[in-house]
Amino acid sequence: MKVLVYAHRLEVGGTQVNAIELAAALRDLHGFKIVFFAQPGPMVKLIEEKGLRFLPAPDARFHPSPARMRALRDVVRREKPDLLHTWDWWQCLDAYYSVHLPMRIPMVVSDMMMEITRVLPKRLPTTFGVPELVAKAKAANRRRVELVVPPVDVHYNAPGVVDPQPFRERYGIEAGDISLVTVSRLADWMKAESLIRTVDAIRTLGRDLPLRFIVVGEGAARAKLE
């Protein structure tokens, strides 16, 4: 089976990691042929490390995006996938109207938001990341829903795979420091507020404890956090 994965902008973020690692696992465990379509960013490096094919998508400031829809149609015509796997509602809308309806390409969407996005078409097979959203979706007459918890490559991300000492030395983290680390897209919506509150909490608790809060990521909210 050939799967075209259509993901969000490849900034450093959880959904991007989930999409890449799940695609690689489908290839390794089930022999699927994977083509990854997304706007380029830092996470292209992980796609390359996983040995997945990558096709760049154009930038988009709103969705449905005419530029993305045209590019996606061209990719589908050329690659002829058996299934289109879209991640989050932005990509879902692009694919639903440009490929799924007119070209009848089977499609599934993974929505990793923490609330149900109303614009998601109800008839599509949809996965959510937490049981509560699956229950809410079924209560809202979304019948084709499943739970897919955020996947983790336990070998690639196993403790001890990477020596943390060079990182600690580069950023002046002492041996006795307690490091709290988050890896996230630095988006204004849904991300920045919790990160800013964490920074405030660390400033308060750090008066008595050797705490270090390390934020790994990129995005529009970076200036607010620096």
N, C-alpha and C. Protein backbone atom coordinates (compact mmCIF):
# COMPACT_ATOMS: atom_id res chain seq x y z
N MET A 1 0.85 -1.19 0.00
CA MET A 1 0.00 0.00 0.00
C MET A 1 0.88 1.24 0.00
N LYS A 2 0.49 2.22 -0.78
CA LYS A 2 1.23 3.48 -0.85
C LYS A 2 0.42 4.56 -0.13
N VAL A 3 1.05 5.22 0.84
CA VAL A 3 0.38 6.23 1.66
C VAL A 3 1.06 7.57 1.45
N LEU A 4 0.26 8.57 1.12
CA LEU A 4 0.75 9.94 1.04
C LEU A 4 0.40 10.64 2.35
N VAL A 5 1.41 10.99 3.12
CA VAL A 5 1.22 11.69 4.39
C VAL A 5 1.30 13.19 4.14
N TYR A 6 0.22 13.89 4.47
CA TYR A 6 0.16 15.34 4.28
C TYR A 6 0.15 15.98 5.66
N ALA A 7 1.27 16.59 6.04
CA ALA A 7 1.43 17.11 7.39
C ALA A 7 1.57 18.62 7.41
N HIS A 8 1.61 19.15 8.62
CA HIS A 8 1.72 20.59 8.85
C HIS A 8 3.14 21.06 8.56
N ARG A 9 3.33 22.36 8.59
CA ARG A 9 4.66 22.96 8.42
C ARG A 9 5.67 22.26 9.34
N LEU A 10 6.83 21.90 8.81
CA LEU A 10 7.77 21.06 9.54
C LEU A 10 8.65 21.85 10.50
N GLU A 11 8.00 22.57 11.40
CA GLU A 11 8.68 23.18 12.53
C GLU A 11 8.92 22.10 13.57
N VAL A 12 9.71 22.42 14.59
CA VAL A 12 9.92 21.48 15.69
C VAL A 12 8.65 21.45 16.53
N GLY A 13 7.97 20.32 16.55
CA GLY A 13 6.72 20.22 17.28
C GLY A 13 6.27 18.78 17.41
N GLY A 14 5.37 18.54 18.36
CA GLY A 14 4.93 17.19 18.66
C GLY A 14 4.20 16.51 17.52
N THR A 15 3.27 17.22 16.89
CA THR A 15 2.51 16.61 15.80
C THR A 15 3.41 16.21 14.65
N GLN A 16 4.40 17.03 14.36
CA GLN A 16 5.32 16.70 13.27
C GLN A 16 6.11 15.44 13.60
N VAL A 17 6.58 15.33 14.84
CA VAL A 17 7.30 14.13 15.25
C VAL A 17 6.39 12.91 15.17
N ASN A 18 5.15 13.06 15.65
CA ASN A 18 4.19 11.96 15.59
C ASN A 18 3.97 11.48 14.17
N ALA A 19 3.76 12.42 13.26
CA ALA A 19 3.49 12.08 11.87
C ALA A 19 4.66 11.34 11.24
N ILE A 20 5.87 11.80 11.50
CA ILE A 20 7.06 11.19 10.90
C ILE A 20 7.30 9.80 11.48
N GLU A 21 7.23 9.68 12.82
CA GLU A 21 7.54 8.40 13.44
C GLU A 21 6.48 7.35 13.13
N LEU A 22 5.21 7.74 13.05
CA LEU A 22 4.17 6.79 12.69
C LEU A 22 4.33 6.33 11.25
N ALA A 23 4.66 7.24 10.35
CA ALA A 23 4.86 6.88 8.95
C ALA A 23 6.03 5.90 8.81
N ALA A 24 7.11 6.16 9.53
CA ALA A 24 8.26 5.26 9.47
C ALA A 24 7.92 3.88 10.03
N ALA A 25 7.11 3.85 11.09
CA ALA A 25 6.71 2.57 11.68
C ALA A 25 5.83 1.77 10.72
N LEU A 26 4.92 2.44 10.02
CA LEU A 26 4.08 1.75 9.04
C LEU A 26 4.93 1.13 7.93
N ARG A 27 5.95 1.83 7.53
CA ARG A 27 6.86 1.27 6.52
C ARG A 27 7.63 0.07 7.07
N ASP A 28 8.20 0.24 8.27
CA ASP A 28 9.06 -0.80 8.82
C ASP A 28 8.29 -2.05 9.24
N LEU A 29 7.10 -1.87 9.81
CA LEU A 29 6.34 -2.99 10.34
C LEU A 29 5.41 -3.64 9.33
N HIS A 30 4.92 -2.85 8.37
CA HIS A 30 3.90 -3.37 7.45
C HIS A 30 4.29 -3.25 5.98
N GLY A 31 5.44 -2.69 5.70
CA GLY A 31 5.90 -2.60 4.32
C GLY A 31 5.21 -1.54 3.48
N PHE A 32 4.56 -0.57 4.11
CA PHE A 32 3.90 0.49 3.35
C PHE A 32 4.94 1.36 2.64
N LYS A 33 4.57 1.84 1.47
CA LYS A 33 5.38 2.83 0.77
C LYS A 33 4.90 4.21 1.21
N ILE A 34 5.81 5.02 1.72
CA ILE A 34 5.44 6.30 2.31
C ILE A 34 6.02 7.45 1.49
N VAL A 35 5.16 8.43 1.20
CA VAL A 35 5.60 9.70 0.62
C VAL A 35 5.13 10.80 1.56
N PHE A 36 6.03 11.68 1.97
CA PHE A 36 5.73 12.71 2.95
C PHE A 36 5.65 14.06 2.25
N PHE A 37 4.50 14.74 2.39
CA PHE A 37 4.25 16.02 1.73
C PHE A 37 3.97 17.07 2.80
N ALA A 38 4.82 18.10 2.87
CA ALA A 38 4.64 19.15 3.88
C ALA A 38 5.52 20.34 3.53
N GLN A 39 5.24 21.46 4.18
CA GLN A 39 6.10 22.63 3.98
C GLN A 39 7.43 22.41 4.68
N PRO A 40 8.55 22.66 4.02
CA PRO A 40 9.86 22.38 4.60
C PRO A 40 10.11 23.17 5.89
N GLY A 41 10.93 22.56 6.75
CA GLY A 41 11.33 23.18 8.01
C GLY A 41 12.38 22.31 8.67
N PRO A 42 12.74 22.61 9.92
CA PRO A 42 13.80 21.86 10.59
C PRO A 42 13.56 20.36 10.68
N MET A 43 12.30 19.92 10.73
CA MET A 43 12.01 18.50 10.90
C MET A 43 12.22 17.68 9.63
N VAL A 44 12.57 18.33 8.54
CA VAL A 44 12.96 17.58 7.33
C VAL A 44 14.15 16.68 7.65
N LYS A 45 15.00 17.13 8.56
CA LYS A 45 16.17 16.33 8.94
C LYS A 45 15.74 14.99 9.50
N LEU A 46 14.69 14.97 10.33
CA LEU A 46 14.21 13.70 10.89
C LEU A 46 13.63 12.81 9.80
N ILE A 47 12.92 13.40 8.84
CA ILE A 47 12.40 12.63 7.71
C ILE A 47 13.54 11.96 6.96
N GLU A 48 14.61 12.70 6.74
CA GLU A 48 15.76 12.15 6.04
C GLU A 48 16.43 11.05 6.86
N GLU A 49 16.54 11.25 8.18
CA GLU A 49 17.14 10.23 9.04
C GLU A 49 16.32 8.94 9.03
N LYS A 50 15.01 9.08 8.90
CA LYS A 50 14.13 7.90 8.85
C LYS A 50 14.11 7.25 7.47
N GLY A 51 14.72 7.90 6.49
CA GLY A 51 14.75 7.34 5.14
C GLY A 51 13.44 7.43 4.39
N LEU A 52 12.63 8.43 4.70
CA LEU A 52 11.34 8.61 4.02
C LEU A 52 11.49 9.57 2.85
N ARG A 53 10.68 9.36 1.82
CA ARG A 53 10.66 10.30 0.70
C ARG A 53 9.93 11.56 1.11
N PHE A 54 10.50 12.70 0.74
CA PHE A 54 9.90 13.98 1.10
C PHE A 54 9.66 14.82 -0.14
N LEU A 55 8.44 15.38 -0.23
CA LEU A 55 8.08 16.30 -1.29
C LEU A 55 7.65 17.62 -0.65
N PRO A 56 8.25 18.74 -1.03
CA PRO A 56 7.93 20.02 -0.39
C PRO A 56 6.58 20.57 -0.83
N ALA A 57 5.86 21.13 0.13
CA ALA A 57 4.59 21.81 -0.14
C ALA A 57 4.81 23.31 -0.08
N PRO A 58 4.04 24.10 -0.83
CA PRO A 58 4.17 25.56 -0.76
C PRO A 58 3.64 26.10 0.56
N ASP A 59 4.05 27.30 0.89
CA ASP A 59 3.59 27.96 2.11
C ASP A 59 2.10 28.28 1.98
N ALA A 60 1.42 28.37 3.12
CA ALA A 60 0.00 28.71 3.13
C ALA A 60 -0.30 29.54 4.37
N ARG A 61 -1.03 30.63 4.19
CA ARG A 61 -1.39 31.49 5.31
C ARG A 61 -2.83 31.27 5.77
N PHE A 62 -3.63 30.59 4.96
CA PHE A 62 -4.99 30.27 5.35
C PHE A 62 -5.39 28.97 4.66
N HIS A 63 -6.46 28.35 5.16
CA HIS A 63 -6.92 27.06 4.63
C HIS A 63 -8.43 27.07 4.51
N PRO A 64 -8.97 26.46 3.45
CA PRO A 64 -8.26 25.79 2.36
C PRO A 64 -7.36 26.77 1.59
N SER A 65 -6.20 26.27 1.18
CA SER A 65 -5.21 27.08 0.48
C SER A 65 -5.18 26.69 -1.00
N PRO A 66 -5.52 27.60 -1.91
CA PRO A 66 -5.49 27.25 -3.34
C PRO A 66 -4.13 26.75 -3.81
N ALA A 67 -3.05 27.37 -3.33
CA ALA A 67 -1.71 26.94 -3.75
C ALA A 67 -1.42 25.52 -3.26
N ARG A 68 -1.75 25.24 -2.01
CA ARG A 68 -1.53 23.90 -1.48
C ARG A 68 -2.40 22.88 -2.20
N MET A 69 -3.64 23.25 -2.48
CA MET A 69 -4.56 22.32 -3.13
C MET A 69 -4.07 21.96 -4.53
N ARG A 70 -3.58 22.94 -5.27
CA ARG A 70 -3.04 22.65 -6.61
C ARG A 70 -1.82 21.75 -6.51
N ALA A 71 -0.93 22.06 -5.57
CA ALA A 71 0.27 21.24 -5.41
C ALA A 71 -0.08 19.82 -4.99
N LEU A 72 -1.05 19.69 -4.10
CA LEU A 72 -1.46 18.37 -3.63
C LEU A 72 -2.06 17.55 -4.76
N ARG A 73 -2.90 18.17 -5.58
CA ARG A 73 -3.47 17.46 -6.73
C ARG A 73 -2.37 16.96 -7.66
N ASP A 74 -1.37 17.79 -7.91
CA ASP A 74 -0.26 17.38 -8.78
C ASP A 74 0.48 16.19 -8.20
N VAL A 75 0.72 16.22 -6.89
CA VAL A 75 1.43 15.12 -6.24
C VAL A 75 0.61 13.83 -6.31
N VAL A 76 -0.69 13.93 -6.07
CA VAL A 76 -1.54 12.74 -6.11
C VAL A 76 -1.59 12.15 -7.51
N ARG A 77 -1.70 12.99 -8.52
CA ARG A 77 -1.72 12.48 -9.89
C ARG A 77 -0.42 11.78 -10.26
N ARG A 78 0.67 12.31 -9.74
CA ARG A 78 1.98 11.75 -10.07
C ARG A 78 2.29 10.49 -9.25
N GLU A 79 1.97 10.52 -7.95
CA GLU A 79 2.35 9.42 -7.06
C GLU A 79 1.32 8.30 -7.01
N LYS A 80 0.05 8.63 -7.30
CA LYS A 80 -1.04 7.64 -7.28
C LYS A 80 -1.09 6.85 -5.96
N PRO A 81 -1.27 7.53 -4.83
CA PRO A 81 -1.33 6.83 -3.55
C PRO A 81 -2.63 6.05 -3.39
N ASP A 82 -2.59 5.01 -2.56
CA ASP A 82 -3.80 4.26 -2.22
C ASP A 82 -4.57 4.94 -1.10
N LEU A 83 -3.87 5.70 -0.27
CA LEU A 83 -4.49 6.34 0.89
C LEU A 83 -3.79 7.67 1.16
N LEU A 84 -4.59 8.65 1.56
CA LEU A 84 -4.07 9.95 1.96
C LEU A 84 -4.28 10.12 3.46
N HIS A 85 -3.19 10.31 4.20
CA HIS A 85 -3.26 10.51 5.65
C HIS A 85 -2.93 11.96 5.96
N THR A 86 -3.92 12.72 6.41
CA THR A 86 -3.71 14.13 6.72
C THR A 86 -3.64 14.33 8.22
N TRP A 87 -2.84 15.31 8.62
CA TRP A 87 -2.66 15.61 10.03
C TRP A 87 -3.21 17.00 10.34
N ASP A 88 -4.21 17.04 11.22
CA ASP A 88 -4.86 18.27 11.70
C ASP A 88 -5.74 18.90 10.63
N TRP A 89 -6.60 19.81 11.09
CA TRP A 89 -7.71 20.27 10.25
C TRP A 89 -7.25 21.10 9.07
N TRP A 90 -6.11 21.82 9.18
CA TRP A 90 -5.67 22.65 8.06
C TRP A 90 -5.46 21.80 6.81
N GLN A 91 -4.67 20.75 6.99
CA GLN A 91 -4.36 19.86 5.87
C GLN A 91 -5.60 19.08 5.45
N CYS A 92 -6.45 18.75 6.42
CA CYS A 92 -7.67 18.01 6.10
C CYS A 92 -8.55 18.78 5.12
N LEU A 93 -8.74 20.07 5.36
CA LEU A 93 -9.59 20.85 4.46
C LEU A 93 -8.99 20.94 3.06
N ASP A 94 -7.68 21.17 2.99
CA ASP A 94 -7.03 21.22 1.67
C ASP A 94 -7.27 19.94 0.90
N ALA A 95 -7.03 18.81 1.57
CA ALA A 95 -7.11 17.52 0.89
C ALA A 95 -8.55 17.10 0.60
N TYR A 96 -9.45 17.41 1.51
CA TYR A 96 -10.84 16.99 1.36
C TYR A 96 -11.46 17.58 0.10
N TYR A 97 -11.25 18.87 -0.12
CA TYR A 97 -11.89 19.54 -1.25
C TYR A 97 -11.11 19.42 -2.55
N SER A 98 -9.82 19.20 -2.48
CA SER A 98 -9.03 19.16 -3.72
C SER A 98 -8.78 17.76 -4.24
N VAL A 99 -8.79 16.78 -3.34
CA VAL A 99 -8.40 15.42 -3.74
C VAL A 99 -9.45 14.38 -3.38
N HIS A 100 -9.90 14.37 -2.13
CA HIS A 100 -10.81 13.32 -1.68
C HIS A 100 -12.14 13.34 -2.43
N LEU A 101 -12.79 14.50 -2.49
CA LEU A 101 -14.09 14.57 -3.16
C LEU A 101 -13.99 14.44 -4.68
N PRO A 102 -13.17 15.25 -5.36
CA PRO A 102 -13.16 15.17 -6.82
C PRO A 102 -12.44 13.95 -7.38
N MET A 103 -11.42 13.44 -6.68
CA MET A 103 -10.61 12.34 -7.21
C MET A 103 -10.90 11.01 -6.52
N ARG A 104 -11.75 11.05 -5.49
CA ARG A 104 -12.17 9.85 -4.76
C ARG A 104 -10.99 9.07 -4.17
N ILE A 105 -10.00 9.79 -3.69
CA ILE A 105 -8.88 9.15 -3.02
C ILE A 105 -9.26 8.87 -1.56
N PRO A 106 -9.17 7.63 -1.09
CA PRO A 106 -9.47 7.34 0.32
C PRO A 106 -8.62 8.20 1.24
N MET A 107 -9.22 8.62 2.35
CA MET A 107 -8.54 9.60 3.20
C MET A 107 -8.87 9.36 4.67
N VAL A 108 -7.87 9.52 5.52
CA VAL A 108 -8.04 9.48 6.97
C VAL A 108 -7.36 10.71 7.55
N VAL A 109 -7.91 11.22 8.65
CA VAL A 109 -7.33 12.41 9.27
C VAL A 109 -7.00 12.12 10.73
N SER A 110 -5.85 12.59 11.18
CA SER A 110 -5.47 12.53 12.59
C SER A 110 -5.50 13.94 13.14
N ASP A 111 -6.37 14.16 14.12
CA ASP A 111 -6.53 15.49 14.72
C ASP A 111 -5.92 15.46 16.11
N MET A 112 -4.83 16.19 16.31
CA MET A 112 -4.12 16.18 17.59
C MET A 112 -4.45 17.40 18.45
N MET A 113 -5.52 18.11 18.09
CA MET A 113 -5.95 19.23 18.91
C MET A 113 -6.53 18.71 20.24
N MET A 114 -6.67 19.61 21.20
CA MET A 114 -7.23 19.23 22.49
C MET A 114 -8.72 19.55 22.59
N GLU A 115 -9.33 19.87 21.46
CA GLU A 115 -10.77 20.03 21.38
C GLU A 115 -11.19 19.61 19.97
N ILE A 116 -12.44 19.24 19.81
CA ILE A 116 -12.91 18.80 18.50
C ILE A 116 -13.08 20.00 17.57
N THR A 117 -12.46 19.92 16.43
CA THR A 117 -12.54 20.99 15.44
C THR A 117 -13.81 20.81 14.61
N ARG A 118 -14.70 21.76 14.68
CA ARG A 118 -16.02 21.60 14.05
C ARG A 118 -15.95 21.50 12.54
N VAL A 119 -14.93 22.08 11.93
CA VAL A 119 -14.87 22.07 10.46
C VAL A 119 -14.44 20.72 9.89
N LEU A 120 -14.02 19.78 10.73
CA LEU A 120 -13.66 18.46 10.22
C LEU A 120 -14.89 17.76 9.67
N PRO A 121 -14.83 17.27 8.44
CA PRO A 121 -15.97 16.54 7.88
C PRO A 121 -16.29 15.30 8.72
N LYS A 122 -17.55 15.10 9.05
CA LYS A 122 -17.94 13.99 9.92
C LYS A 122 -17.78 12.63 9.26
N ARG A 123 -17.85 12.58 7.95
CA ARG A 123 -17.84 11.28 7.28
C ARG A 123 -16.45 10.68 7.15
N LEU A 124 -15.41 11.43 7.44
CA LEU A 124 -14.05 10.91 7.29
C LEU A 124 -13.64 10.07 8.50
N PRO A 125 -12.93 8.96 8.29
CA PRO A 125 -12.31 8.26 9.42
C PRO A 125 -11.32 9.20 10.11
N THR A 126 -11.48 9.36 11.42
CA THR A 126 -10.70 10.35 12.16
C THR A 126 -10.13 9.73 13.43
N THR A 127 -8.87 10.04 13.72
CA THR A 127 -8.26 9.61 14.98
C THR A 127 -8.02 10.82 15.86
N PHE A 128 -8.18 10.60 17.17
CA PHE A 128 -7.88 11.62 18.17
C PHE A 128 -6.84 11.07 19.13
N GLY A 129 -6.16 11.98 19.84
CA GLY A 129 -5.04 11.56 20.68
C GLY A 129 -5.39 11.22 22.11
N VAL A 130 -6.63 11.53 22.56
CA VAL A 130 -7.03 11.24 23.94
C VAL A 130 -8.42 10.63 23.95
N PRO A 131 -8.72 9.72 24.91
CA PRO A 131 -10.03 9.05 24.95
C PRO A 131 -11.19 10.02 25.09
N GLU A 132 -10.99 11.12 25.82
CA GLU A 132 -12.09 12.06 26.04
C GLU A 132 -12.61 12.64 24.73
N LEU A 133 -11.72 12.92 23.79
CA LEU A 133 -12.16 13.47 22.51
C LEU A 133 -12.85 12.42 21.66
N VAL A 134 -12.41 11.18 21.77
CA VAL A 134 -13.10 10.10 21.05
C VAL A 134 -14.55 10.00 21.54
N ALA A 135 -14.74 10.06 22.86
CA ALA A 135 -16.09 9.99 23.42
C ALA A 135 -16.93 11.18 22.99
N LYS A 136 -16.35 12.38 23.01
CA LYS A 136 -17.08 13.57 22.58
C LYS A 136 -17.44 13.50 21.10
N ALA A 137 -16.53 12.98 20.30
CA ALA A 137 -16.79 12.88 18.86
C ALA A 137 -17.94 11.91 18.59
N LYS A 138 -17.96 10.79 19.28
CA LYS A 138 -19.05 9.83 19.10
C LYS A 138 -20.37 10.42 19.57
N ALA A 139 -20.32 11.19 20.65
CA ALA A 139 -21.55 11.83 21.14
C ALA A 139 -22.07 12.86 20.17
N ALA A 140 -21.18 13.40 19.32
CA ALA A 140 -21.58 14.39 18.31
C ALA A 140 -21.87 13.73 16.97
N ASN A 141 -22.15 12.43 17.00
CA ASN A 141 -22.52 11.66 15.80
C ASN A 141 -21.37 11.51 14.80
N ARG A 142 -20.14 11.56 15.29
CA ARG A 142 -19.00 11.19 14.46
C ARG A 142 -18.73 9.71 14.72
N ARG A 143 -19.14 8.87 13.81
CA ARG A 143 -19.11 7.43 14.06
C ARG A 143 -17.79 6.77 13.70
N ARG A 144 -17.06 7.34 12.77
CA ARG A 144 -15.83 6.71 12.29
C ARG A 144 -14.62 7.33 12.99
N VAL A 145 -14.54 7.13 14.30
CA VAL A 145 -13.46 7.72 15.09
C VAL A 145 -12.72 6.63 15.85
N GLU A 146 -11.43 6.83 16.03
CA GLU A 146 -10.59 5.89 16.75
C GLU A 146 -9.60 6.65 17.63
N LEU A 147 -9.09 5.96 18.64
CA LEU A 147 -8.06 6.52 19.51
C LEU A 147 -6.69 6.09 18.99
N VAL A 148 -5.83 7.04 18.71
CA VAL A 148 -4.43 6.78 18.40
C VAL A 148 -3.60 7.70 19.29
N VAL A 149 -3.07 7.13 20.37
CA VAL A 149 -2.27 7.96 21.27
C VAL A 149 -0.99 8.37 20.56
N PRO A 150 -0.41 9.52 20.92
CA PRO A 150 0.81 9.97 20.23
C PRO A 150 1.88 8.88 20.22
N PRO A 151 2.30 8.45 19.04
CA PRO A 151 3.28 7.36 18.95
C PRO A 151 4.67 7.83 19.33
N VAL A 152 5.45 6.91 19.89
CA VAL A 152 6.83 7.22 20.28
C VAL A 152 7.74 6.10 19.78
N ASP A 153 8.78 6.45 19.07
CA ASP A 153 9.80 5.50 18.66
C ASP A 153 10.70 5.25 19.87
N VAL A 154 10.47 4.14 20.57
CA VAL A 154 11.17 3.89 21.84
C VAL A 154 12.64 3.57 21.64
N HIS A 155 13.02 3.20 20.43
CA HIS A 155 14.44 2.94 20.17
C HIS A 155 15.16 4.25 19.85
N TYR A 156 14.58 5.04 18.96
CA TYR A 156 15.20 6.31 18.57
C TYR A 156 15.27 7.28 19.74
N ASN A 157 14.26 7.21 20.62
CA ASN A 157 14.18 8.15 21.74
C ASN A 157 14.55 7.52 23.08
N ALA A 158 15.21 6.38 23.06
CA ALA A 158 15.57 5.69 24.30
C ALA A 158 16.57 6.51 25.12
N PRO A 159 16.43 6.49 26.46
CA PRO A 159 17.43 7.17 27.30
C PRO A 159 18.83 6.62 27.04
N GLY A 160 19.80 7.49 26.97
CA GLY A 160 21.17 7.05 26.76
C GLY A 160 21.61 7.01 25.31
N VAL A 161 20.68 7.17 24.37
CA VAL A 161 21.05 7.15 22.96
C VAL A 161 21.94 8.35 22.62
N VAL A 162 21.65 9.48 23.25
CA VAL A 162 22.42 10.70 23.02
C VAL A 162 23.10 11.12 24.32
N ASP A 163 24.35 11.49 24.24
CA ASP A 163 25.09 11.99 25.40
C ASP A 163 24.67 13.44 25.65
N PRO A 164 24.04 13.74 26.79
CA PRO A 164 23.56 15.11 27.04
C PRO A 164 24.65 16.08 27.48
N GLN A 165 25.85 15.59 27.77
CA GLN A 165 26.87 16.45 28.35
C GLN A 165 27.25 17.63 27.46
N PRO A 166 27.47 17.44 26.14
CA PRO A 166 27.79 18.60 25.29
C PRO A 166 26.70 19.68 25.32
N PHE A 167 25.44 19.25 25.36
CA PHE A 167 24.34 20.22 25.44
C PHE A 167 24.39 20.98 26.76
N ARG A 168 24.63 20.26 27.85
CA ARG A 168 24.68 20.90 29.17
C ARG A 168 25.83 21.90 29.24
N GLU A 169 26.96 21.53 28.66
CA GLU A 169 28.12 22.43 28.68
C GLU A 169 27.86 23.67 27.81
N ARG A 170 27.23 23.47 26.67
CA ARG A 170 26.98 24.59 25.77
C ARG A 170 26.08 25.65 26.40
N TYR A 171 25.09 25.20 27.18
CA TYR A 171 24.12 26.14 27.73
C TYR A 171 24.33 26.38 29.23
N GLY A 172 25.48 25.98 29.75
CA GLY A 172 25.82 26.30 31.13
C GLY A 172 24.94 25.65 32.17
N ILE A 173 24.51 24.42 31.93
CA ILE A 173 23.67 23.70 32.88
C ILE A 173 24.57 22.93 33.84
N GLU A 174 24.53 23.29 35.11
CA GLU A 174 25.40 22.67 36.10
C GLU A 174 24.91 21.27 36.46
N ALA A 175 25.82 20.48 37.05
CA ALA A 175 25.50 19.09 37.39
C ALA A 175 24.33 18.98 38.36
N GLY A 176 24.20 19.95 39.26
CA GLY A 176 23.12 19.88 40.24
C GLY A 176 21.82 20.54 39.81
N ASP A 177 21.80 21.13 38.62
CA ASP A 177 20.58 21.79 38.15
C ASP A 177 19.49 20.78 37.83
N ILE A 178 18.27 21.17 38.10
CA ILE A 178 17.10 20.37 37.72
C ILE A 178 16.55 20.96 36.42
N SER A 179 16.65 20.19 35.36
CA SER A 179 16.26 20.70 34.03
C SER A 179 14.87 20.22 33.66
N LEU A 180 14.00 21.17 33.34
CA LEU A 180 12.68 20.88 32.79
C LEU A 180 12.72 21.25 31.31
N VAL A 181 12.43 20.28 30.45
CA VAL A 181 12.60 20.48 29.01
C VAL A 181 11.26 20.29 28.29
N THR A 182 10.93 21.21 27.41
CA THR A 182 9.77 21.04 26.54
C THR A 182 10.20 21.21 25.09
N VAL A 183 9.68 20.35 24.23
CA VAL A 183 9.91 20.45 22.79
C VAL A 183 8.56 20.77 22.16
N SER A 184 8.45 21.94 21.54
CA SER A 184 7.14 22.40 21.10
C SER A 184 7.25 23.38 19.95
N ARG A 185 6.21 23.40 19.11
CA ARG A 185 6.05 24.52 18.20
C ARG A 185 5.73 25.75 19.03
N LEU A 186 6.38 26.84 18.74
CA LEU A 186 6.16 28.07 19.50
C LEU A 186 5.07 28.89 18.83
N ALA A 187 3.86 28.35 18.89
CA ALA A 187 2.71 29.00 18.25
C ALA A 187 1.99 29.89 19.27
N ASP A 188 1.38 30.96 18.78
CA ASP A 188 0.64 31.86 19.66
C ASP A 188 -0.59 31.17 20.24
N TRP A 189 -1.24 30.34 19.41
CA TRP A 189 -2.48 29.70 19.85
C TRP A 189 -2.17 28.34 20.46
N MET A 190 -2.64 28.10 21.65
CA MET A 190 -2.62 26.82 22.35
C MET A 190 -1.24 26.49 22.94
N LYS A 191 -0.16 27.15 22.49
CA LYS A 191 1.18 26.81 22.96
C LYS A 191 1.75 27.90 23.87
N ALA A 192 1.74 29.14 23.39
CA ALA A 192 2.48 30.21 24.07
C ALA A 192 1.98 30.45 25.50
N GLU A 193 0.67 30.41 25.71
CA GLU A 193 0.13 30.74 27.03
C GLU A 193 0.68 29.81 28.10
N SER A 194 0.66 28.49 27.84
CA SER A 194 1.14 27.55 28.84
C SER A 194 2.64 27.68 29.06
N LEU A 195 3.39 27.98 28.00
CA LEU A 195 4.83 28.15 28.14
C LEU A 195 5.17 29.39 28.96
N ILE A 196 4.45 30.48 28.73
CA ILE A 196 4.68 31.70 29.50
C ILE A 196 4.35 31.48 30.98
N ARG A 197 3.28 30.75 31.25
CA ARG A 197 2.93 30.45 32.64
C ARG A 197 3.99 29.57 33.29
N THR A 198 4.57 28.65 32.51
CA THR A 198 5.64 27.81 33.04
C THR A 198 6.87 28.64 33.37
N VAL A 199 7.20 29.58 32.49
CA VAL A 199 8.34 30.48 32.75
C VAL A 199 8.12 31.24 34.06
N ASP A 200 6.91 31.75 34.26
CA ASP A 200 6.61 32.49 35.49
C ASP A 200 6.75 31.59 36.72
N ALA A 201 6.28 30.34 36.59
CA ALA A 201 6.37 29.41 37.72
C ALA A 201 7.83 29.06 38.04
N ILE A 202 8.64 28.89 37.00
CA ILE A 202 10.05 28.57 37.21
C ILE A 202 10.77 29.73 37.89
N ARG A 203 10.42 30.95 37.50
CA ARG A 203 11.03 32.12 38.14
C ARG A 203 10.72 32.17 39.64
N THR A 204 9.51 31.78 39.98
CA THR A 204 9.12 31.78 41.40
C THR A 204 9.79 30.64 42.15
N LEU A 205 9.68 29.43 41.63
CA LEU A 205 10.25 28.26 42.30
C LEU A 205 11.78 28.27 42.27
N GLY A 206 12.34 28.91 41.23
CA GLY A 206 13.78 28.94 41.08
C GLY A 206 14.50 29.76 42.13
N ARG A 207 13.77 30.51 42.93
CA ARG A 207 14.40 31.27 44.01
C ARG A 207 14.96 30.34 45.08
N ASP A 208 14.33 29.16 45.20
CA ASP A 208 14.74 28.21 46.24
C ASP A 208 15.31 26.91 45.67
N LEU A 209 15.10 26.66 44.38
CA LEU A 209 15.56 25.41 43.77
C LEU A 209 16.39 25.72 42.53
N PRO A 210 17.37 24.86 42.22
CA PRO A 210 18.21 25.08 41.03
C PRO A 210 17.51 24.62 39.75
N LEU A 211 16.46 25.32 39.36
CA LEU A 211 15.65 24.92 38.22
C LEU A 211 16.12 25.60 36.94
N ARG A 212 16.08 24.85 35.85
CA ARG A 212 16.34 25.40 34.51
C ARG A 212 15.22 24.94 33.59
N PHE A 213 14.58 25.88 32.92
CA PHE A 213 13.51 25.56 31.97
C PHE A 213 14.07 25.73 30.56
N ILE A 214 14.08 24.65 29.80
CA ILE A 214 14.68 24.65 28.46
C ILE A 214 13.57 24.44 27.44
N VAL A 215 13.42 25.39 26.55
CA VAL A 215 12.41 25.32 25.50
C VAL A 215 13.10 25.06 24.17
N VAL A 216 12.74 23.96 23.53
CA VAL A 216 13.30 23.60 22.23
C VAL A 216 12.20 23.73 21.19
N GLY A 217 12.36 24.63 20.25
CA GLY A 217 11.33 24.79 19.24
C GLY A 217 11.49 26.10 18.49
N GLU A 218 10.56 26.32 17.58
CA GLU A 218 10.59 27.52 16.76
C GLU A 218 9.16 27.88 16.39
N GLY A 219 8.92 29.16 16.16
CA GLY A 219 7.60 29.59 15.75
C GLY A 219 7.38 31.06 16.02
N ALA A 220 6.16 31.50 15.72
CA ALA A 220 5.83 32.93 15.78
C ALA A 220 5.89 33.51 17.19
N ALA A 221 5.73 32.66 18.21
CA ALA A 221 5.70 33.15 19.59
C ALA A 221 7.08 33.21 20.23
N ARG A 222 8.12 32.95 19.47
CA ARG A 222 9.47 32.91 20.06
C ARG A 222 9.84 34.22 20.75
N ALA A 223 9.52 35.34 20.12
CA ALA A 223 9.90 36.64 20.69
C ALA A 223 9.26 36.86 22.06
N LYS A 224 8.05 36.35 22.26
CA LYS A 224 7.38 36.52 23.55
C LYS A 224 8.07 35.73 24.66
N LEU A 225 8.74 34.65 24.28
CA LEU A 225 9.32 33.75 25.27
C LEU A 225 10.77 34.08 25.58
N GLU A 226 11.43 34.82 24.72
CA GLU A 226 12.84 35.12 24.92
C GLU A 226 13.04 36.25 25.93
